[in-house]
Amino acid sequence: MAYLIPQIYNTDKPVGEGEANLSADVFLLKSMLQTWSRMSSSFAPGVSLTVNSAYDPALADWIAEFQRAVNQASSGSPLKVDSKMHPMPIKNAMAYQARFKSGYGSTLFALNYNLRSGSAREHHAIALRCNLKELKI
């Protein structure tokens, strides 16, 4: 059987207050969230977000707003509204998980899913903006 596994973006470490906040991870998440805000008329955080590699309180607000929006719109695994993005659990290229052992959904998976569903072209373009290379697993 032939099939396609679409690209998925992941971080190395968690992003949020008190987390590692690696610059490449922060830049990726800010790029993804800003792209989603342009694509979704219902996603409107109350503060502006500057896309750079520095963690700031605005990013925490945007993450929490995305988590709340997904929880309102979905009947699937709820996202923990904690203003943090944790790396998606990935065992190999064929086995990434949409939720954690705790039962909460992965915010990063939900962000990838919404972006890809909204526009595969926009989702793919994030890799170019962030200068990301494909990870060989």
Protein backbone atom coordinates (compact mmCIF):
# COMPACT_ATOMS: atom_id res chain seq x y z
CA MET A 1 0.00 0.00 0.00
CA ALA A 2 1.34 3.42 -0.91
CA TYR A 3 0.90 6.34 1.49
CA LEU A 4 2.23 9.73 2.46
CA ILE A 5 3.20 10.82 5.94
CA PRO A 6 3.11 14.61 5.90
CA GLN A 7 5.91 16.57 7.45
CA ILE A 8 5.48 17.40 11.08
CA TYR A 9 7.36 19.99 13.10
CA ASN A 10 8.70 19.13 16.52
CA THR A 11 10.89 20.79 19.13
CA ASP A 12 13.92 19.45 20.96
CA LYS A 13 12.87 20.75 24.37
CA PRO A 14 9.75 22.24 26.00
CA VAL A 15 8.97 25.91 25.47
CA GLY A 16 7.32 27.98 28.20
CA GLU A 17 7.95 29.72 31.51
CA GLY A 18 10.78 27.93 33.32
CA GLU A 19 11.51 25.60 30.38
CA ALA A 20 14.61 25.23 28.18
CA ASN A 21 13.29 27.67 25.51
CA LEU A 22 15.94 26.79 22.92
CA SER A 23 16.15 29.57 20.36
CA ALA A 24 15.35 27.34 17.35
CA ASP A 25 12.33 25.87 19.19
CA VAL A 26 11.01 29.31 20.15
CA PHE A 27 11.46 30.64 16.60
CA LEU A 28 9.61 27.63 15.15
CA LEU A 29 6.67 27.95 17.54
CA LYS A 30 6.35 31.70 17.02
CA SER A 31 6.39 31.14 13.25
CA MET A 32 3.77 28.39 13.49
CA LEU A 33 1.47 30.40 15.76
CA GLN A 34 1.75 33.54 13.66
CA THR A 35 0.96 31.53 10.52
CA TRP A 36 -2.07 30.03 12.27
CA SER A 37 -3.27 33.49 13.34
CA ARG A 38 -3.24 34.61 9.68
CA MET A 39 -5.15 31.49 8.63
CA SER A 40 -7.78 31.38 11.39
CA SER A 41 -10.26 34.18 11.86
CA SER A 42 -11.26 32.80 15.28
CA PHE A 43 -7.73 32.83 16.73
CA ALA A 44 -7.05 36.29 18.14
CA PRO A 45 -4.67 36.55 21.10
CA GLY A 46 -4.87 39.90 22.89
CA VAL A 47 -1.17 40.74 22.51
CA SER A 48 1.08 41.00 19.47
CA LEU A 49 3.77 38.42 18.81
CA THR A 50 7.18 39.26 17.38
CA VAL A 51 8.69 36.31 15.54
CA ASN A 52 12.22 35.95 16.84
CA SER A 53 14.13 33.37 18.85
CA ALA A 54 13.63 34.95 22.30
CA TYR A 55 11.04 33.54 24.70
CA ASP A 56 8.72 36.23 26.08
CA PRO A 57 5.38 36.45 27.95
CA ALA A 58 3.53 37.13 24.67
CA LEU A 59 4.45 33.64 23.48
CA ALA A 60 2.98 32.15 26.65
CA ASP A 61 -0.26 34.07 26.00
CA TRP A 62 -0.41 32.85 22.39
CA ILE A 63 0.18 29.23 23.40
CA ALA A 64 -2.54 29.39 26.07
CA GLU A 65 -4.96 31.03 23.62
CA PHE A 66 -4.29 28.29 21.06
CA GLN A 67 -4.81 25.59 23.73
CA ARG A 68 -8.14 27.14 24.78
CA ALA A 69 -9.28 27.52 21.16
CA VAL A 70 -8.53 23.88 20.35
CA ASN A 71 -10.30 22.70 23.50
CA GLN A 72 -13.40 24.72 22.55
CA ALA A 73 -13.45 23.46 18.96
CA SER A 74 -12.58 19.79 19.51
CA SER A 75 -14.10 16.80 21.21
CA GLY A 76 -10.81 14.84 20.98
CA SER A 77 -8.07 14.62 23.59
CA PRO A 78 -8.11 17.87 25.54
CA LEU A 79 -5.02 20.03 25.62
CA LYS A 80 -3.64 21.05 28.99
CA VAL A 81 -3.92 24.85 29.14
CA ASP A 82 -0.52 25.53 30.69
CA SER A 83 1.03 28.03 28.24
CA LYS A 84 3.69 25.47 27.34
CA MET A 85 4.53 23.41 24.28
CA HIS A 86 6.21 20.10 24.89
CA PRO A 87 7.94 18.08 22.17
CA MET A 88 5.67 15.49 20.61
CA PRO A 89 6.36 11.92 21.70
CA ILE A 90 8.10 10.31 18.71
CA LYS A 91 9.45 6.77 18.65
CA ASN A 92 10.40 6.73 14.98
CA ALA A 93 9.34 8.25 11.65
CA MET A 94 6.25 6.04 11.57
CA ALA A 95 5.18 6.45 15.20
CA TYR A 96 4.50 9.92 16.49
CA GLN A 97 1.80 10.37 19.08
CA ALA A 98 -1.01 12.89 19.28
CA ARG A 99 -1.20 12.65 23.06
CA PHE A 100 0.90 12.02 26.11
CA LYS A 101 0.66 9.18 28.64
CA SER A 102 -1.24 11.59 30.91
CA GLY A 103 -4.11 11.55 28.39
CA TYR A 104 -3.69 15.18 27.42
CA GLY A 105 -3.33 15.91 23.76
CA SER A 106 -0.11 17.29 22.33
CA THR A 107 -0.41 21.02 21.70
CA LEU A 108 2.32 20.75 19.08
CA PHE A 109 0.48 17.95 17.28
CA ALA A 110 -2.73 20.03 17.31
CA LEU A 111 -0.86 23.04 15.92
CA ASN A 112 0.70 20.95 13.13
CA TYR A 113 -2.67 19.35 12.35
CA ASN A 114 -4.54 22.66 12.18
CA LEU A 115 -1.89 24.30 10.03
CA ARG A 116 -1.65 21.34 7.65
CA SER A 117 -5.45 21.05 7.39
CA GLY A 118 -5.79 24.78 6.77
CA SER A 119 -3.12 24.97 4.08
CA ALA A 120 -0.50 22.34 3.30
CA ARG A 121 1.39 25.01 1.37
CA GLU A 122 1.55 27.39 4.36
CA HIS A 123 2.49 24.52 6.67
CA HIS A 124 5.33 23.47 4.38
CA ALA A 125 6.56 27.07 4.01
CA ILE A 126 7.34 27.23 7.73
CA ALA A 127 10.33 24.95 7.13
CA LEU A 128 11.75 27.48 4.69
CA ARG A 129 11.19 30.46 7.01
CA CYS A 130 12.82 28.61 9.91
CA ASN A 131 15.61 27.11 7.78
CA LEU A 132 14.73 23.61 8.98
CA LYS A 133 16.25 20.48 7.53
CA GLU A 134 14.54 17.10 7.44
CA LEU A 135 15.55 14.88 10.32
CA LYS A 136 16.41 11.35 9.23
CA ILE A 137 15.03 8.95 11.82
